[in-house]
PDB file of all heavy atoms in Angstrom:
ATOM      1  N   LEU A   1       0.829  -1.206   0.000  1.00  0.00           N
ATOM      2  CA  LEU A   1       0.000   0.000   0.000  1.00  0.00           C
ATOM      3  C   LEU A   1       0.864   1.257   0.000  1.00  0.00           C
ATOM      4  O   LEU A   1       0.580   2.208  -0.731  1.00  0.00           O
ATOM      5  CB  LEU A   1      -0.929  -0.004   1.217  1.00  0.00           C
ATOM      6  CG  LEU A   1      -1.963  -1.128   1.255  1.00  0.00           C
ATOM      7  CD1 LEU A   1      -2.716  -1.118   2.579  1.00  0.00           C
ATOM      8  CD2 LEU A   1      -2.934  -1.012   0.091  1.00  0.00           C
ATOM      9  N   ILE A   2       1.916   1.257   0.817  1.00  0.00           N
ATOM     10  CA  ILE A   2       2.818   2.413   0.855  1.00  0.00           C
ATOM     11  C   ILE A   2       3.419   2.650  -0.522  1.00  0.00           C
ATOM     12  O   ILE A   2       3.523   3.787  -0.995  1.00  0.00           O
ATOM     13  CB  ILE A   2       3.908   2.192   1.916  1.00  0.00           C
ATOM     14  CG1 ILE A   2       3.290   2.150   3.322  1.00  0.00           C
ATOM     15  CG2 ILE A   2       4.973   3.289   1.849  1.00  0.00           C
ATOM     16  CD1 ILE A   2       4.234   1.683   4.408  1.00  0.00           C
ATOM     17  N   ASP A   3       3.809   1.568  -1.200  1.00  0.00           N
ATOM     18  CA  ASP A   3       4.398   1.679  -2.534  1.00  0.00           C
ATOM     19  C   ASP A   3       3.410   2.243  -3.556  1.00  0.00           C
ATOM     20  O   ASP A   3       3.825   2.818  -4.570  1.00  0.00           O
ATOM     21  CB  ASP A   3       4.901   0.317  -3.013  1.00  0.00           C
ATOM     22  CG  ASP A   3       6.165  -0.132  -2.282  1.00  0.00           C
ATOM     23  OD1 ASP A   3       6.759   0.697  -1.564  1.00  0.00           O
ATOM     24  OD2 ASP A   3       6.541  -1.316  -2.422  1.00  0.00           O
ATOM     25  N   LYS A   4       2.112   2.072  -3.287  1.00  0.00           N
ATOM     26  CA  LYS A   4       1.085   2.625  -4.176  1.00  0.00           C
ATOM     27  C   LYS A   4       0.748   4.076  -3.849  1.00  0.00           C
ATOM     28  O   LYS A   4      -0.118   4.669  -4.493  1.00  0.00           O
ATOM     29  CB  LYS A   4      -0.190   1.775  -4.093  1.00  0.00           C
ATOM     30  CG  LYS A   4      -0.040   0.370  -4.668  1.00  0.00           C
ATOM     31  CD  LYS A   4      -1.298  -0.450  -4.412  1.00  0.00           C
ATOM     32  CE  LYS A   4      -1.120  -1.880  -4.912  1.00  0.00           C
ATOM     33  NZ  LYS A   4      -2.288  -2.744  -4.570  1.00  0.00           N
ATOM     34  N   GLY A   5       1.396   4.632  -2.839  1.00  0.00           N
ATOM     35  CA  GLY A   5       1.159   6.027  -2.475  1.00  0.00           C
ATOM     36  C   GLY A   5       0.083   6.243  -1.440  1.00  0.00           C
ATOM     37  O   GLY A   5      -0.304   7.397  -1.178  1.00  0.00           O
ATOM     38  N   VAL A   6      -0.419   5.168  -0.824  1.00  0.00           N
ATOM     39  CA  VAL A   6      -1.417   5.311   0.232  1.00  0.00           C
ATOM     40  C   VAL A   6      -0.759   5.962   1.444  1.00  0.00           C
ATOM     41  O   VAL A   6       0.327   5.560   1.875  1.00  0.00           O
ATOM     42  CB  VAL A   6      -2.018   3.948   0.617  1.00  0.00           C
ATOM     43  CG1 VAL A   6      -2.965   4.082   1.811  1.00  0.00           C
ATOM     44  CG2 VAL A   6      -2.747   3.340  -0.579  1.00  0.00           C
ATOM     45  N   LYS A   7      -1.421   6.982   2.004  1.00  0.00           N
ATOM     46  CA  LYS A   7      -0.889   7.693   3.168  1.00  0.00           C
ATOM     47  C   LYS A   7      -1.591   7.228   4.441  1.00  0.00           C
ATOM     48  O   LYS A   7      -2.822   7.156   4.497  1.00  0.00           O
ATOM     49  CB  LYS A   7      -1.061   9.203   3.005  1.00  0.00           C
ATOM     50  CG  LYS A   7      -0.042   9.831   2.076  1.00  0.00           C
ATOM     51  CD  LYS A   7      -0.045  11.351   2.239  1.00  0.00           C
ATOM     52  CE  LYS A   7       1.133  11.970   1.517  1.00  0.00           C
ATOM     53  NZ  LYS A   7       1.222  13.434   1.758  1.00  0.00           N
ATOM     54  N   PHE A   8      -0.798   6.944   5.455  1.00  0.00           N
ATOM     55  CA  PHE A   8      -1.297   6.533   6.766  1.00  0.00           C
ATOM     56  C   PHE A   8      -1.212   7.733   7.703  1.00  0.00           C
ATOM     57  O   PHE A   8      -0.154   8.349   7.841  1.00  0.00           O
ATOM     58  CB  PHE A   8      -0.455   5.382   7.318  1.00  0.00           C
ATOM     59  CG  PHE A   8      -0.641   4.074   6.600  1.00  0.00           C
ATOM     60  CD1 PHE A   8      -0.149   3.889   5.312  1.00  0.00           C
ATOM     61  CD2 PHE A   8      -1.304   3.025   7.210  1.00  0.00           C
ATOM     62  CE1 PHE A   8      -0.312   2.683   4.646  1.00  0.00           C
ATOM     63  CE2 PHE A   8      -1.475   1.809   6.556  1.00  0.00           C
ATOM     64  CZ  PHE A   8      -0.972   1.644   5.262  1.00  0.00           C
ATOM     65  N   TYR A   9      -2.329   8.035   8.370  1.00  0.00           N
ATOM     66  CA  TYR A   9      -2.390   9.151   9.328  1.00  0.00           C
ATOM     67  C   TYR A   9      -2.653   8.562  10.715  1.00  0.00           C
ATOM     68  O   TYR A   9      -3.697   7.944  10.949  1.00  0.00           O
ATOM     69  CB  TYR A   9      -3.501  10.122   8.945  1.00  0.00           C
ATOM     70  CG  TYR A   9      -3.232  10.868   7.656  1.00  0.00           C
ATOM     71  CD1 TYR A   9      -3.598  10.328   6.431  1.00  0.00           C
ATOM     72  CD2 TYR A   9      -2.596  12.112   7.661  1.00  0.00           C
ATOM     73  CE1 TYR A   9      -3.354  10.996   5.239  1.00  0.00           C
ATOM     74  CE2 TYR A   9      -2.340  12.794   6.483  1.00  0.00           C
ATOM     75  CZ  TYR A   9      -2.723  12.230   5.273  1.00  0.00           C
ATOM     76  OH  TYR A   9      -2.470  12.892   4.100  1.00  0.00           O
ATOM     77  N   ALA A  10      -1.709   8.760  11.631  1.00  0.00           N
ATOM     78  CA  ALA A  10      -1.776   8.119  12.940  1.00  0.00           C
ATOM     79  C   ALA A  10      -2.344   9.040  14.010  1.00  0.00           C
ATOM     80  O   ALA A  10      -2.235  10.263  13.930  1.00  0.00           O
ATOM     81  CB  ALA A  10      -0.385   7.643  13.360  1.00  0.00           C
ATOM     82  N   SER A  11      -2.935   8.424  15.011  1.00  0.00           N
ATOM     83  CA  SER A  11      -3.198   9.072  16.295  1.00  0.00           C
ATOM     84  C   SER A  11      -2.497   8.239  17.351  1.00  0.00           C
ATOM     85  O   SER A  11      -2.224   7.054  17.140  1.00  0.00           O
ATOM     86  CB  SER A  11      -4.702   9.171  16.571  1.00  0.00           C
ATOM     87  OG  SER A  11      -5.305   7.885  16.614  1.00  0.00           O
ATOM     88  N   LEU A  12      -2.184   8.852  18.479  1.00  0.00           N
ATOM     89  CA  LEU A  12      -1.385   8.185  19.503  1.00  0.00           C
ATOM     90  C   LEU A  12      -2.255   7.443  20.505  1.00  0.00           C
ATOM     91  O   LEU A  12      -3.208   7.999  21.056  1.00  0.00           O
ATOM     92  CB  LEU A  12      -0.511   9.202  20.246  1.00  0.00           C
ATOM     93  CG  LEU A  12       0.567   9.903  19.415  1.00  0.00           C
ATOM     94  CD1 LEU A  12       1.290  10.938  20.272  1.00  0.00           C
ATOM     95  CD2 LEU A  12       1.561   8.905  18.831  1.00  0.00           C
ATOM     96  N   GLY A  13      -1.915   6.173  20.754  1.00  0.00           N
ATOM     97  CA  GLY A  13      -2.572   5.386  21.784  1.00  0.00           C
ATOM     98  C   GLY A  13      -1.731   5.305  23.038  1.00  0.00           C
ATOM     99  O   GLY A  13      -0.616   5.832  23.102  1.00  0.00           O
ATOM    100  N   ASN A  14      -2.233   4.629  24.045  1.00  0.00           N
ATOM    101  CA  ASN A  14      -1.519   4.544  25.319  1.00  0.00           C
ATOM    102  C   ASN A  14      -0.256   3.695  25.239  1.00  0.00           C
ATOM    103  O   ASN A  14       0.607   3.773  26.108  1.00  0.00           O
ATOM    104  CB  ASN A  14      -2.446   4.020  26.423  1.00  0.00           C
ATOM    105  CG  ASN A  14      -3.078   2.689  26.075  1.00  0.00           C
ATOM    106  OD1 ASN A  14      -3.908   2.618  25.171  1.00  0.00           O
ATOM    107  ND2 ASN A  14      -2.712   1.633  26.776  1.00  0.00           N
ATOM    108  N   HIS A  15      -0.111   2.881  24.194  1.00  0.00           N
ATOM    109  CA  HIS A  15       1.106   2.092  24.013  1.00  0.00           C
ATOM    110  C   HIS A  15       2.106   2.770  23.083  1.00  0.00           C
ATOM    111  O   HIS A  15       3.161   2.203  22.791  1.00  0.00           O
ATOM    112  CB  HIS A  15       0.772   0.703  23.476  1.00  0.00           C
ATOM    113  CG  HIS A  15       0.181  -0.210  24.498  1.00  0.00           C
ATOM    114  ND1 HIS A  15       0.936  -0.873  25.440  1.00  0.00           N
ATOM    115  CD2 HIS A  15      -1.109  -0.572  24.724  1.00  0.00           C
ATOM    116  CE1 HIS A  15       0.151  -1.595  26.210  1.00  0.00           C
ATOM    117  NE2 HIS A  15      -1.099  -1.438  25.800  1.00  0.00           N
ATOM    118  N   ASP A  16       1.781   3.958  22.573  1.00  0.00           N
ATOM    119  CA  ASP A  16       2.640   4.645  21.609  1.00  0.00           C
ATOM    120  C   ASP A  16       3.502   5.705  22.298  1.00  0.00           C
ATOM    121  O   ASP A  16       3.012   6.458  23.133  1.00  0.00           O
ATOM    122  CB  ASP A  16       1.798   5.328  20.528  1.00  0.00           C
ATOM    123  CG  ASP A  16       1.020   4.339  19.695  1.00  0.00           C
ATOM    124  OD1 ASP A  16       1.588   3.284  19.359  1.00  0.00           O
ATOM    125  OD2 ASP A  16      -0.164   4.613  19.386  1.00  0.00           O
ATOM    126  N   ALA A  17       4.761   5.767  21.900  1.00  0.00           N
ATOM    127  CA  ALA A  17       5.648   6.826  22.384  1.00  0.00           C
ATOM    128  C   ALA A  17       5.353   8.119  21.631  1.00  0.00           C
ATOM    129  O   ALA A  17       5.073   8.116  20.439  1.00  0.00           O
ATOM    130  CB  ALA A  17       7.102   6.427  22.174  1.00  0.00           C
ATOM    131  N   SER A  18       5.439   9.231  22.350  1.00  0.00           N
ATOM    132  CA  SER A  18       5.168  10.528  21.739  1.00  0.00           C
ATOM    133  C   SER A  18       6.089  10.798  20.550  1.00  0.00           C
ATOM    134  O   SER A  18       5.695  11.461  19.578  1.00  0.00           O
ATOM    135  CB  SER A  18       5.332  11.638  22.782  1.00  0.00           C
ATOM    136  OG  SER A  18       5.208  12.919  22.196  1.00  0.00           O
ATOM    137  N   ASN A  19       7.313  10.272  20.588  1.00  0.00           N
ATOM    138  CA  ASN A  19       8.266  10.513  19.509  1.00  0.00           C
ATOM    139  C   ASN A  19       7.821   9.935  18.171  1.00  0.00           C
ATOM    140  O   ASN A  19       8.379  10.298  17.131  1.00  0.00           O
ATOM    141  CB  ASN A  19       9.647   9.955  19.874  1.00  0.00           C
ATOM    142  CG  ASN A  19      10.405  10.865  20.816  1.00  0.00           C
ATOM    143  OD1 ASN A  19      10.057  12.036  20.982  1.00  0.00           O
ATOM    144  ND2 ASN A  19      11.441  10.333  21.449  1.00  0.00           N
ATOM    145  N   GLN A  20       6.830   9.045  18.194  1.00  0.00           N
ATOM    146  CA  GLN A  20       6.334   8.504  16.931  1.00  0.00           C
ATOM    147  C   GLN A  20       5.702   9.596  16.060  1.00  0.00           C
ATOM    148  O   GLN A  20       5.511   9.392  14.864  1.00  0.00           O
ATOM    149  CB  GLN A  20       5.328   7.379  17.193  1.00  0.00           C
ATOM    150  CG  GLN A  20       5.975   6.111  17.741  1.00  0.00           C
ATOM    151  CD  GLN A  20       4.959   5.041  18.108  1.00  0.00           C
ATOM    152  OE1 GLN A  20       3.824   5.068  17.630  1.00  0.00           O
ATOM    153  NE2 GLN A  20       5.346   4.113  18.962  1.00  0.00           N
ATOM    154  N   ARG A  21       5.456  10.755  16.645  1.00  0.00           N
ATOM    155  CA  ARG A  21       4.891  11.853  15.859  1.00  0.00           C
ATOM    156  C   ARG A  21       5.891  12.368  14.829  1.00  0.00           C
ATOM    157  O   ARG A  21       5.516  13.088  13.899  1.00  0.00           O
ATOM    158  CB  ARG A  21       4.421  12.982  16.773  1.00  0.00           C
ATOM    159  CG  ARG A  21       5.522  13.779  17.449  1.00  0.00           C
ATOM    160  CD  ARG A  21       4.923  14.724  18.491  1.00  0.00           C
ATOM    161  NE  ARG A  21       5.890  15.680  19.043  1.00  0.00           N
ATOM    162  CZ  ARG A  21       6.708  15.425  20.045  1.00  0.00           C
ATOM    163  NH1 ARG A  21       6.709  14.212  20.609  1.00  0.00           N
ATOM    164  NH2 ARG A  21       7.537  16.360  20.484  1.00  0.00           N
ATOM    165  N   PHE A  22       7.155  11.996  14.989  1.00  0.00           N
ATOM    166  CA  PHE A  22       8.187  12.415  14.029  1.00  0.00           C
ATOM    167  C   PHE A  22       8.429  11.363  12.943  1.00  0.00           C
ATOM    168  O   PHE A  22       9.212  11.613  12.025  1.00  0.00           O
ATOM    169  CB  PHE A  22       9.509  12.702  14.757  1.00  0.00           C
ATOM    170  CG  PHE A  22       9.410  13.818  15.751  1.00  0.00           C
ATOM    171  CD1 PHE A  22       9.499  13.565  17.112  1.00  0.00           C
ATOM    172  CD2 PHE A  22       9.223  15.126  15.333  1.00  0.00           C
ATOM    173  CE1 PHE A  22       9.412  14.594  18.046  1.00  0.00           C
ATOM    174  CE2 PHE A  22       9.134  16.172  16.258  1.00  0.00           C
ATOM    175  CZ  PHE A  22       9.222  15.901  17.606  1.00  0.00           C
ATOM    176  N   TYR A  23       7.800  10.226  13.053  1.00  0.00           N
ATOM    177  CA  TYR A  23       7.989   9.149  12.071  1.00  0.00           C
ATOM    178  C   TYR A  23       7.265   9.533  10.779  1.00  0.00           C
ATOM    179  O   TYR A  23       6.047   9.715  10.762  1.00  0.00           O
ATOM    180  CB  TYR A  23       7.436   7.849  12.649  1.00  0.00           C
ATOM    181  CG  TYR A  23       7.506   6.644  11.750  1.00  0.00           C
ATOM    182  CD1 TYR A  23       8.713   6.218  11.212  1.00  0.00           C
ATOM    183  CD2 TYR A  23       6.355   5.921  11.464  1.00  0.00           C
ATOM    184  CE1 TYR A  23       8.769   5.099  10.401  1.00  0.00           C
ATOM    185  CE2 TYR A  23       6.403   4.796  10.659  1.00  0.00           C
ATOM    186  CZ  TYR A  23       7.618   4.395  10.132  1.00  0.00           C
ATOM    187  OH  TYR A  23       7.665   3.285   9.320  1.00  0.00           O
ATOM    188  N   ALA A  24       8.018   9.683   9.711  1.00  0.00           N
ATOM    189  CA  ALA A  24       7.481  10.288   8.484  1.00  0.00           C
ATOM    190  C   ALA A  24       6.256   9.559   7.944  1.00  0.00           C
ATOM    191  O   ALA A  24       5.304  10.208   7.470  1.00  0.00           O
ATOM    192  CB  ALA A  24       8.577  10.336   7.418  1.00  0.00           C
ATOM    193  N   LEU A  25       6.232   8.239   8.030  1.00  0.00           N
ATOM    194  CA  LEU A  25       5.141   7.475   7.415  1.00  0.00           C
ATOM    195  C   LEU A  25       3.839   7.555   8.218  1.00  0.00           C
ATOM    196  O   LEU A  25       2.806   7.076   7.751  1.00  0.00           O
ATOM    197  CB  LEU A  25       5.551   6.014   7.223  1.00  0.00           C
ATOM    198  CG  LEU A  25       6.647   5.780   6.178  1.00  0.00           C
ATOM    199  CD1 LEU A  25       7.013   4.303   6.098  1.00  0.00           C
ATOM    200  CD2 LEU A  25       6.215   6.295   4.801  1.00  0.00           C
ATOM    201  N   PHE A  26       3.888   8.161   9.421  1.00  0.00           N
ATOM    202  CA  PHE A  26       2.653   8.387  10.188  1.00  0.00           C
ATOM    203  C   PHE A  26       2.030   9.740   9.865  1.00  0.00           C
ATOM    204  O   PHE A  26       0.940  10.049  10.345  1.00  0.00           O
ATOM    205  CB  PHE A  26       2.917   8.276  11.694  1.00  0.00           C
ATOM    206  CG  PHE A  26       3.009   6.857  12.193  1.00  0.00           C
ATOM    207  CD1 PHE A  26       3.393   6.598  13.505  1.00  0.00           C
ATOM    208  CD2 PHE A  26       2.713   5.772  11.377  1.00  0.00           C
ATOM    209  CE1 PHE A  26       3.476   5.293  13.990  1.00  0.00           C
ATOM    210  CE2 PHE A  26       2.794   4.470  11.841  1.00  0.00           C
ATOM    211  CZ  PHE A  26       3.177   4.229  13.148  1.00  0.00           C
ATOM    212  N   ASN A  27       2.726  10.574   9.095  1.00  0.00           N
ATOM    213  CA  ASN A  27       2.181  11.835   8.590  1.00  0.00           C
ATOM    214  C   ASN A  27       1.606  12.741   9.672  1.00  0.00           C
ATOM    215  O   ASN A  27       0.581  13.415   9.470  1.00  0.00           O
ATOM    216  CB  ASN A  27       1.125  11.544   7.517  1.00  0.00           C
ATOM    217  CG  ASN A  27       1.746  11.021   6.232  1.00  0.00           C
ATOM    218  OD1 ASN A  27       2.432  11.760   5.521  1.00  0.00           O
ATOM    219  ND2 ASN A  27       1.544   9.744   5.960  1.00  0.00           N
ATOM    220  N   MET A  28       2.270  12.781  10.827  1.00  0.00           N
ATOM    221  CA  MET A  28       1.835  13.632  11.931  1.00  0.00           C
ATOM    222  C   MET A  28       2.572  14.964  11.949  1.00  0.00           C
ATOM    223  O   MET A  28       2.213  15.865  12.718  1.00  0.00           O
ATOM    224  CB  MET A  28       2.014  12.900  13.270  1.00  0.00           C
ATOM    225  CG  MET A  28       1.241  11.587  13.357  1.00  0.00           C
ATOM    226  SD  MET A  28       1.516  10.690  14.917  1.00  0.00           S
ATOM    227  CE  MET A  28       0.557  11.704  16.054  1.00  0.00           C
ATOM    228  N   ASN A  29       3.611  15.075  11.147  1.00  0.00           N
ATOM    229  CA  ASN A  29       4.374  16.325  11.029  1.00  0.00           C
ATOM    230  C   ASN A  29       4.850  16.859  12.377  1.00  0.00           C
ATOM    231  O   ASN A  29       4.853  18.070  12.621  1.00  0.00           O
ATOM    232  CB  ASN A  29       3.549  17.386  10.288  1.00  0.00           C
ATOM    233  CG  ASN A  29       3.234  16.963   8.864  1.00  0.00           C
ATOM    234  OD1 ASN A  29       4.112  16.493   8.148  1.00  0.00           O
ATOM    235  ND2 ASN A  29       1.977  17.106   8.468  1.00  0.00           N
ATOM    236  N   GLY A  30       5.230  15.938  13.263  1.00  0.00           N
ATOM    237  CA  GLY A  30       5.776  16.340  14.552  1.00  0.00           C
ATOM    238  C   GLY A  30       4.756  16.795  15.580  1.00  0.00           C
ATOM    239  O   GLY A  30       5.123  17.283  16.652  1.00  0.00           O
ATOM    240  N   GLU A  31       3.467  16.626  15.283  1.00  0.00           N
ATOM    241  CA  GLU A  31       2.399  17.095  16.180  1.00  0.00           C
ATOM    242  C   GLU A  31       1.645  15.914  16.792  1.00  0.00           C
ATOM    243  O   GLU A  31       1.352  14.932  16.112  1.00  0.00           O
ATOM    244  CB  GLU A  31       1.410  17.979  15.415  1.00  0.00           C
ATOM    245  CG  GLU A  31       2.039  19.178  14.732  1.00  0.00           C
ATOM    246  CD  GLU A  31       2.595  20.201  15.710  1.00  0.00           C
ATOM    247  OE1 GLU A  31       2.204  20.167  16.897  1.00  0.00           O
ATOM    248  OE2 GLU A  31       3.411  21.036  15.289  1.00  0.00           O
TER     249      GLU A  31
END
């Protein structure tokens, strides 16, 4: 899916580290 250009937009859960907001493929733009 990523190779086809599908974009994944994440929200943070209780098991997620805040730093995942910087992971480019989650498209959070550091927020």
